[in-house]
Protein backbone atom coordinates (compact mmCIF):
# COMPACT_ATOMS: atom_id res chain seq x y z
CA MET A 1 99.77 154.92 63.49
CA ALA A 2 97.24 152.53 65.49
CA SER A 3 99.38 150.13 65.26
CA ILE A 4 102.69 151.35 66.65
CA SER A 5 100.17 152.73 69.55
CA TRP A 6 99.36 148.74 70.02
CA VAL A 7 102.99 148.12 70.28
CA CYS A 8 104.16 150.53 72.87
CA CYS A 9 101.30 150.26 75.08
CA ALA A 10 100.79 147.47 77.41
CA VAL A 11 97.99 145.09 76.31
CA LEU A 12 96.20 142.45 77.97
CA LEU A 13 96.25 139.48 76.29
CA TYR A 14 94.46 136.10 77.20
CA LEU A 15 96.22 132.97 76.12
CA ALA A 16 94.97 129.57 76.95
CA LEU A 17 97.74 127.49 77.06
CA PHE A 18 97.29 124.30 73.87
CA ILE A 19 99.84 122.08 72.81
CA ALA A 20 99.74 123.59 69.76
CA PRO A 21 101.70 127.14 68.92
CA ILE A 22 99.87 130.23 68.93
CA SER A 23 101.07 133.33 67.89
CA ILE A 24 100.72 136.38 70.09
CA LEU A 25 101.79 140.23 69.66
CA VAL A 26 103.33 141.73 73.13
CA PRO A 27 104.59 145.09 74.09
CA ALA A 28 108.24 146.00 72.78
CA ASP A 29 111.45 146.15 74.88
CA GLY A 30 110.08 144.69 78.20
CA TYR A 31 109.60 148.04 79.43
CA LEU A 32 106.39 149.94 80.71
CA THR A 33 106.28 153.92 82.16
CA VAL A 34 104.14 154.43 84.97
CA ASN A 35 102.53 157.13 83.27
CA SER A 36 101.54 154.43 80.34
CA SER A 37 97.39 154.83 79.30
CA THR A 38 97.41 150.79 81.36
CA SER A 39 98.38 150.77 84.46
CA SER A 40 95.67 148.64 85.54
CA TRP A 41 94.91 144.63 84.76
CA THR A 42 91.98 142.48 85.47
CA ASN A 43 91.96 138.72 85.71
CA ARG A 44 89.49 137.39 83.38
CA GLU A 45 87.65 134.10 83.47
CA PRO A 46 88.99 131.78 80.51
CA VAL A 47 87.00 130.71 78.08
CA GLY A 48 86.58 127.18 76.69
CA ASP A 49 88.13 124.09 77.94
CA LEU A 50 91.66 124.23 78.93
CA LEU A 51 94.30 121.30 77.99
CA LYS A 52 96.91 122.72 80.21
CA ALA A 53 96.68 126.05 81.76
CA HIS A 54 95.58 129.99 81.30
CA ALA A 55 97.98 132.81 81.06
CA VAL A 56 96.63 136.51 81.18
CA ILE A 57 99.57 138.06 79.83
CA ILE A 58 100.08 141.35 81.20
CA PHE A 59 103.57 141.89 79.99
CA ALA A 60 106.46 140.14 78.20
CA SER A 61 110.31 140.48 77.78
CA ARG A 62 112.21 142.22 74.65
CA SER A 63 112.26 138.86 72.82
CA SER A 64 108.99 138.89 72.45
CA VAL A 65 109.09 141.07 69.61
CA ASP A 66 112.18 140.75 68.68
CA PRO A 67 113.53 136.61 68.44
CA ASP A 68 116.87 137.37 67.61
CA TYR A 69 117.58 138.62 71.11
CA GLY A 70 116.41 135.13 72.86
CA HIS A 71 113.82 133.52 74.01
CA ALA A 72 111.00 135.61 75.86
CA CYS A 73 109.72 136.20 79.53
CA PHE A 74 105.95 136.66 80.42
CA CYS A 75 104.34 138.12 83.45
CA GLY A 76 101.07 138.10 84.26
CA PHE A 77 98.08 135.96 86.04
CA PHE A 78 98.82 132.38 85.91
CA CYS A 79 96.34 129.32 86.70
CA ASN A 80 96.41 125.72 86.01
CA GLN A 81 93.58 123.82 84.29
CA THR A 82 90.43 123.85 86.76
CA CYS A 83 91.53 128.13 87.40
CA ASP A 84 89.66 127.92 90.91
CA SER A 85 92.67 130.22 91.89
CA SER A 86 95.44 132.23 90.08
CA ARG A 87 98.53 133.62 90.66
CA PHE A 88 100.73 136.89 89.69
CA ALA A 89 103.70 135.31 88.11
CA THR A 90 106.31 135.15 85.33
CA PHE A 91 106.22 132.12 82.90
CA PHE A 92 107.86 130.80 79.79
CA LEU A 93 105.28 129.70 77.09
CA ASN A 94 106.40 125.97 75.78
CA ASP A 95 105.09 122.72 75.43
CA ASP A 96 105.15 122.48 79.31
CA PRO A 97 104.30 126.17 80.85
CA ARG A 98 105.70 126.67 84.41
CA VAL A 99 105.82 129.01 86.72
CA LEU A 100 109.06 130.39 87.32
CA TRP A 101 108.48 133.07 90.32
CA SER A 102 105.16 134.56 92.21
CA ALA A 103 104.27 137.15 93.89
CA ASN A 104 101.59 135.25 95.64
CA PRO A 105 102.27 131.64 96.29
CA LYS A 106 100.36 130.95 99.42
CA ASN A 107 97.78 133.97 98.90
CA PRO A 108 96.25 132.92 95.55
CA ILE A 109 93.88 135.43 94.09
CA SER A 110 90.08 134.68 92.22
CA ILE A 111 88.75 136.12 89.36
CA ASN A 112 88.39 140.02 88.50
CA ALA A 113 91.54 140.42 90.76
CA THR A 114 93.40 143.22 89.68
CA LEU A 115 97.16 144.35 89.45
CA LYS A 116 98.05 148.03 89.59
CA LEU A 117 101.19 149.94 88.63
CA ASN A 118 101.95 153.50 90.77
CA SER A 119 104.72 155.78 91.53
CA GLU A 120 104.36 155.51 95.44
CA ARG A 121 103.94 151.84 96.11
CA GLY A 122 104.96 150.21 92.87
CA LEU A 123 102.64 146.96 92.07
CA VAL A 124 100.15 146.12 93.88
CA LEU A 125 97.90 143.25 93.94
CA GLN A 126 94.06 143.21 94.99
CA ASP A 127 91.70 140.81 95.40
CA ALA A 128 87.97 140.67 93.89
CA ASP A 129 86.81 141.54 97.60
CA GLY A 130 89.27 144.16 97.77
CA THR A 131 91.70 142.65 100.00
CA ILE A 132 95.67 143.18 99.28
CA ALA A 133 97.17 139.51 98.41
CA TRP A 134 100.80 141.20 97.67
CA SER A 135 102.40 144.65 96.97
CA THR A 136 106.46 145.68 96.66
CA ASN A 137 104.97 148.36 99.49
CA ILE A 138 107.75 150.84 97.92
CA SER A 139 107.81 154.10 100.02
CA THR A 140 111.32 155.87 100.24
CA LYS A 141 111.51 156.19 96.21
CA SER A 142 109.19 157.18 93.60
CA VAL A 143 108.68 154.50 90.67
CA ALA A 144 109.10 155.36 86.97
CA ALA A 145 108.93 152.31 84.94
CA LEU A 146 108.09 148.55 85.18
CA ASN A 147 110.99 146.16 83.60
CA LEU A 148 111.29 142.44 82.64
CA THR A 149 114.58 141.04 81.50
CA ASP A 150 114.22 137.81 79.07
CA ASN A 151 115.98 135.76 82.55
CA CYS A 152 112.78 136.76 84.02
CA ASN A 153 113.56 139.29 86.52
CA LEU A 154 110.67 141.73 87.17
CA MET A 155 112.37 145.04 87.90
CA LEU A 156 110.98 148.43 89.52
CA LEU A 157 112.92 151.28 88.27
CA ASP A 158 113.52 154.81 89.33
CA GLU A 159 113.29 157.96 86.81
CA ASN A 160 117.54 157.30 86.54
CA ASN A 161 116.27 153.81 85.39
CA ALA A 162 117.94 152.56 88.91
CA THR A 163 116.76 149.34 90.34
CA ILE A 164 114.50 150.09 93.10
CA TRP A 165 112.91 146.56 93.66
CA GLN A 166 113.49 142.93 91.47
CA SER A 167 111.64 139.85 91.81
CA PHE A 168 115.74 138.16 91.90
CA ASP A 169 115.63 139.73 95.19
CA HIS A 170 112.14 138.74 96.82
CA PRO A 171 111.97 134.80 95.56
CA SER A 172 108.98 133.42 96.24
CA TRP A 173 110.21 130.32 98.78
CA PRO A 174 110.06 127.63 99.07
CA THR A 175 111.35 127.70 95.38
CA ASP A 176 113.61 125.07 93.52
CA THR A 177 115.08 127.60 90.79
CA LEU A 178 118.08 130.02 90.93
CA PHE A 179 117.79 131.93 87.65
CA TYR A 180 120.68 133.56 85.45
CA GLY A 181 122.37 136.50 87.32
CA GLN A 182 120.48 135.31 90.61
CA ASN A 183 121.91 135.38 94.02
CA LEU A 184 121.77 132.73 96.98
CA VAL A 185 122.70 134.04 100.27
CA PRO A 186 123.81 132.34 103.50
CA GLY A 187 120.42 131.42 105.29
CA GLN A 188 118.54 130.83 101.65
CA GLN A 189 118.30 127.59 100.42
CA LEU A 190 116.49 125.70 97.28
CA THR A 191 113.79 123.08 98.44
CA SER A 192 112.69 120.25 95.29
CA GLU A 193 109.22 119.97 94.31
CA GLY A 194 107.61 117.84 96.81
CA GLY A 195 110.20 118.69 99.62
CA LEU A 196 112.45 115.85 99.60
CA PHE A 197 115.75 117.92 99.25
CA SER A 198 117.12 120.93 99.70
CA LEU A 199 120.03 122.54 98.44
CA SER A 200 121.44 125.34 101.09
CA LEU A 201 124.04 128.11 101.35
CA THR A 202 125.71 129.21 105.18
CA THR A 203 128.87 130.75 105.43
CA GLN A 204 130.72 126.71 105.79
CA GLY A 205 129.79 126.36 102.23
CA LEU A 206 127.05 125.14 100.08
CA PHE A 207 125.02 121.65 101.10
CA ALA A 208 122.80 119.13 99.26
CA TYR A 209 120.44 117.84 102.18
CA ILE A 210 117.83 114.79 101.76
CA ASN A 211 115.07 116.18 104.27
CA SER A 212 114.89 113.10 106.34
CA ASN A 213 114.65 112.96 110.25
CA PRO A 214 117.26 114.09 111.05
CA PRO A 215 118.12 116.05 107.71
CA LEU A 216 121.26 114.12 105.88
CA CYS A 217 123.55 115.67 103.45
CA TYR A 218 124.74 113.72 100.12
CA TRP A 219 127.08 116.34 98.97
CA TYR A 220 128.52 119.43 100.00
CA TYR A 221 131.20 121.59 98.99
CA PRO A 222 133.35 123.71 101.99
CA GLN A 223 134.25 126.84 102.58
CA ASP A 224 137.72 127.03 102.35
CA PHE A 225 138.94 129.63 100.15
CA GLY A 226 140.01 132.23 103.15
CA PHE A 227 136.86 134.42 102.47
CA THR A 228 133.68 134.73 104.02
CA ILE A 229 130.82 133.85 102.03
CA SER A 230 128.83 136.62 100.84
CA TYR A 231 126.36 135.30 98.39
CA VAL A 232 126.82 132.61 95.27
CA GLN A 233 125.61 133.53 91.78
CA PHE A 234 124.36 131.80 88.89
CA ILE A 235 126.70 133.19 86.05
CA GLU A 236 128.08 132.08 82.74
CA LYS A 237 128.95 128.19 83.51
CA GLY A 238 128.47 127.76 86.86
CA LEU A 239 127.97 129.07 90.32
CA THR A 240 130.04 131.91 91.67
CA PHE A 241 131.10 132.55 95.21
CA PHE A 242 131.74 136.19 95.77
CA SER A 243 133.65 137.39 99.21
CA ALA A 244 131.71 140.32 101.44
CA ARG A 245 133.47 143.12 99.20
CA GLN A 246 131.90 141.76 96.26
CA THR A 247 134.61 140.36 94.35
CA SER A 248 134.08 136.82 93.26
CA PHE A 249 136.77 134.31 94.26
CA TYR A 250 135.82 130.68 92.71
CA GLU A 251 133.30 129.40 90.35
CA LEU A 252 132.12 125.78 90.72
CA PRO A 253 131.36 123.86 87.35
CA LEU A 254 128.02 123.12 86.15
CA PHE A 255 129.43 120.75 83.16
CA ILE A 256 127.40 123.19 80.81
CA PRO A 257 128.58 122.36 76.94
CA SER A 258 130.31 124.84 75.28
CA THR A 259 127.72 124.93 72.40
CA SER A 260 124.75 125.80 75.01
CA LEU A 261 124.59 129.44 75.17
CA LEU A 262 121.00 130.05 76.16
CA THR A 263 121.42 128.67 79.55
CA GLN A 264 117.98 130.57 82.35
CA TYR A 265 118.15 128.76 85.12
CA THR A 266 119.38 126.35 87.50
CA ARG A 267 116.70 124.04 89.38
CA LEU A 268 117.06 121.22 92.46
CA ASP A 269 115.04 118.19 90.84
CA PRO A 270 113.11 116.03 92.96
CA ASP A 271 115.51 113.30 91.98
CA GLY A 272 118.32 115.69 94.36
CA HIS A 273 120.07 116.57 90.57
CA MET A 274 121.00 120.30 90.53
CA ARG A 275 120.51 120.57 86.77
CA VAL A 276 120.86 123.62 84.16
CA TYR A 277 118.05 124.60 81.65
CA ASP A 278 117.63 126.47 78.62
CA GLN A 279 114.86 128.75 78.17
CA ASP A 280 113.09 125.47 75.98
CA GLY A 281 112.96 123.60 79.11
CA GLN A 282 115.98 121.30 77.94
CA GLU A 283 118.92 119.78 80.18
CA VAL A 284 122.34 121.36 79.08
CA GLY A 285 124.24 120.49 82.53
CA ASP A 286 124.27 119.40 85.94
CA LEU A 287 126.05 120.23 89.25
CA PHE A 288 126.46 116.57 90.17
CA LYS A 289 127.46 114.74 87.01
CA ASN A 290 130.51 113.33 88.17
CA ILE A 291 129.31 111.89 91.37
CA ASP A 292 128.73 108.33 91.57
CA LEU A 293 124.89 107.69 91.11
CA CYS A 294 124.81 105.20 94.10
CA ALA A 295 125.59 108.39 96.32
CA PHE A 296 122.15 109.77 95.57
CA PRO A 297 119.84 108.57 98.54
CA THR A 298 116.57 108.04 96.29
CA VAL A 299 118.39 106.25 93.42
CA CYS A 300 117.46 102.85 94.22
CA GLY A 301 114.27 103.51 96.67
CA ASN A 302 113.71 102.69 99.97
CA TYR A 303 115.93 99.54 101.50
CA GLY A 304 117.23 99.25 98.06
CA ILE A 305 121.16 98.06 97.40
CA CYS A 306 123.32 99.99 94.82
CA THR A 307 126.00 98.36 93.30
CA LYS A 308 127.97 99.94 90.69
CA ASN A 309 125.24 101.85 89.68
CA GLN A 310 122.83 98.76 89.41
CA CYS A 311 119.55 98.47 92.04
CA SER A 312 118.64 95.39 93.91
CA CYS A 313 117.17 94.01 96.80
CA LEU A 314 119.13 92.01 99.73
CA GLY A 315 119.08 88.37 98.64
CA SER A 316 118.36 85.52 100.39
CA ILE A 317 120.05 84.76 103.55
CA ASN A 318 120.21 80.53 104.44
CA GLY A 319 117.30 80.21 102.09
CA THR A 320 115.32 83.12 103.64
CA ASN A 321 114.47 86.49 101.81
CA TYR A 322 113.48 89.16 104.19
CA PHE A 323 113.22 92.10 101.55
CA GLN A 324 111.44 92.00 97.93
CA GLN A 325 110.93 94.37 95.20
CA ILE A 326 108.16 97.19 95.55
CA LYS A 327 107.54 96.94 91.69
CA ASP A 328 108.37 93.81 89.50
CA ARG A 329 110.95 94.47 86.75
CA GLN A 330 111.50 98.41 88.12
CA PRO A 331 114.50 97.96 90.79
CA ASP A 332 114.54 101.62 91.28
CA ARG A 333 111.41 101.64 92.73
CA GLY A 334 112.81 100.23 96.20
CA CYS A 335 112.05 97.57 98.30
CA SER A 336 110.07 96.30 101.35
CA PRO A 337 110.52 94.26 104.31
CA VAL A 338 108.92 91.12 103.63
CA VAL A 339 107.29 91.03 106.91
CA PRO A 340 107.20 94.69 108.52
CA LEU A 341 107.92 95.18 111.84
CA SER A 342 104.99 95.26 114.33
CA CYS A 343 104.43 94.72 118.31
CA GLU A 344 102.69 91.77 117.40
CA ALA A 345 105.64 89.88 115.69
CA SER A 346 108.30 91.22 118.29
CA LYS A 347 109.50 88.24 119.35
CA THR A 348 110.77 87.24 116.11
CA HIS A 349 112.71 89.77 115.39
CA ILE A 350 116.25 89.47 114.73
CA LEU A 351 119.55 91.59 113.92
CA LEU A 352 120.45 91.30 110.11
CA GLU A 353 124.15 91.78 109.95
CA LEU A 354 125.41 92.59 106.40
CA GLN A 355 129.26 92.91 105.28
CA ASN A 356 130.67 95.32 103.20
CA ILE A 357 127.52 97.91 102.69
CA THR A 358 127.69 101.87 103.77
CA TYR A 359 125.03 104.47 104.09
CA PHE A 360 125.25 107.51 101.78
CA PRO A 361 126.11 110.26 104.43
CA LEU A 362 129.37 108.22 105.33
CA LEU A 363 130.74 108.19 101.96
CA ASP A 364 132.77 111.07 102.63
CA ILE A 365 133.67 111.07 106.35
CA THR A 366 134.49 114.44 106.53
CA ILE A 367 130.47 115.09 106.94
CA PRO A 368 128.97 115.59 110.31
CA VAL A 369 126.48 113.22 110.84
CA PRO A 370 123.88 113.65 113.37
CA THR A 371 123.43 109.77 114.48
CA ILE A 372 122.63 108.03 117.92
CA LYS A 373 125.67 105.24 118.69
CA TYR A 374 125.67 102.23 120.19
CA THR A 375 128.08 99.40 120.58
CA LEU A 376 127.29 96.30 118.26
CA SER A 377 126.73 93.80 121.46
CA PHE A 378 124.01 96.00 122.95
CA ILE A 379 122.56 96.20 119.83
CA ARG A 380 122.58 92.36 119.63
CA THR A 381 121.07 92.24 122.85
CA THR A 382 118.76 95.19 122.57
CA VAL A 383 116.98 94.82 119.31
CA THR A 384 115.27 91.38 120.08
CA VAL A 385 113.94 92.88 123.51
CA HIS A 386 112.18 96.44 122.61
CA TYR A 387 110.19 95.73 119.41
CA THR A 388 109.60 99.76 119.34
CA ILE A 389 113.47 99.88 117.03
CA SER A 390 113.20 100.32 113.32
CA CYS A 391 116.14 101.18 112.56
CA PHE A 392 118.58 100.35 109.97
CA PHE A 393 122.34 99.73 111.69
CA LEU A 394 125.80 100.22 109.95
CA THR A 395 128.80 99.38 111.41
CA ASN A 396 131.52 102.47 111.30
CA GLU A 397 134.95 102.06 113.31
CA VAL A 398 135.29 104.99 115.82
CA VAL A 399 138.98 104.47 117.14
CA GLY A 400 140.39 102.93 114.25
CA ARG A 401 138.49 102.50 110.82
CA ASP A 402 140.89 99.48 110.06
CA GLN A 403 140.43 97.72 112.86
CA GLU A 404 137.97 94.46 112.20
CA ILE A 405 134.38 94.12 112.88
CA GLY A 406 133.44 92.17 115.81
CA THR A 407 132.02 92.53 118.96
CA SER A 408 134.90 95.10 120.62
CA SER A 409 133.52 98.14 122.54
CA SER A 410 135.60 100.45 120.49
CA VAL A 411 133.06 99.35 117.29
CA VAL A 412 129.58 101.56 117.21
CA ALA A 413 126.74 100.76 115.32
CA GLU A 414 124.63 103.80 114.17
CA CYS A 415 120.94 104.49 113.63
CA TRP A 416 119.21 106.07 111.35
CA ALA A 417 115.07 106.30 111.84
CA ASP A 418 112.94 105.55 109.02
CA PRO A 419 112.76 105.80 106.09
CA ILE A 420 116.18 104.05 104.97
CA PHE A 421 117.53 105.15 101.39
CA GLN A 422 119.61 102.71 99.83
CA VAL A 423 122.83 101.65 101.16
CA GLU A 424 125.97 100.99 98.44
CA VAL A 425 128.19 97.84 98.33
CA GLN A 426 131.66 98.20 99.13
CA GLU A 427 134.26 96.73 97.18
CA SER A 428 136.19 94.62 99.31
């Protein structure tokens, strides 16, 4: 009987996440009632040296005691190596432990903070000094149970097992992850780690941006279905669009192999790709799989030139090198000007005109690109006078795209502020 009660009660487990696997015992079925004997948990100080991270496991999903059901998700207090502060979070336990959702990403807690579960307010996270760091703030319905699914959706249920609150509806923005079954609604966006890329949904479609100044779109999927987009959900093998009537009307494929059955989440990665991962953190798909690598803004670094998926710097012109590799034998790290623009050297500035190249926002002329337009003759005059110009100019035709580039006023140059990402060589 003692062993049965141990399994059926929520237990407080302390786990230092080392490289070697550790066997643990967790509550069954990912389900905990408010009336259980354990409804308050305390964040304790880790013992010993930590190689990666530390977790105080409060709760686990069904798969923790039923491996055939799938991979388990855990929730509890999570901290990195120093453990100066912690978050209440959901996470997978693998070789590279990673927080998937956090209740208090911008308001971390200290040692001896507590998490309480009660019927009136749901979950309440209280720091050691008594301040409330976070709560579900349930006031209209009585909470009967807490549930954690294998795809890491933390749910508060009423006495009829109806959902009152769920973490999927309260993502810890900014976030880079969309879980299996989770929605992305207009006005929300995914932001890659480091903040360089974002994927946003509007009523006009799905857009991927690099967050330069101004932000520039490098991929989009327009809304041309004849319906108003209510949300996009990650289910089955793709991102599925839903209308205001909760009816699915299109699936955007994520190119997941048919053999991959345990897809868990899709993530906007730091290189701008939207990849799909299984519970082990292994990549199994990519929304942008069929996109030319040269269309990605950072594949060749700043000022790099991308030619048939190969990176290089601009070659010498009339015996003069204007750009050099930032890192030898690593052309994808980008290029830098041999002589940086400066006020002191303003009299030596020239307009370097390049042919048969394009910038990634112009790869699809239907994407609106926020630019400043000047005539080419104006640029040739101004660039040698105003030393503050540090833009990259691309010739683009506004009257007739097939007209030969020259000094005609119908030909314009489009200006982007630094940093300048790689450009692509155009086939003649």
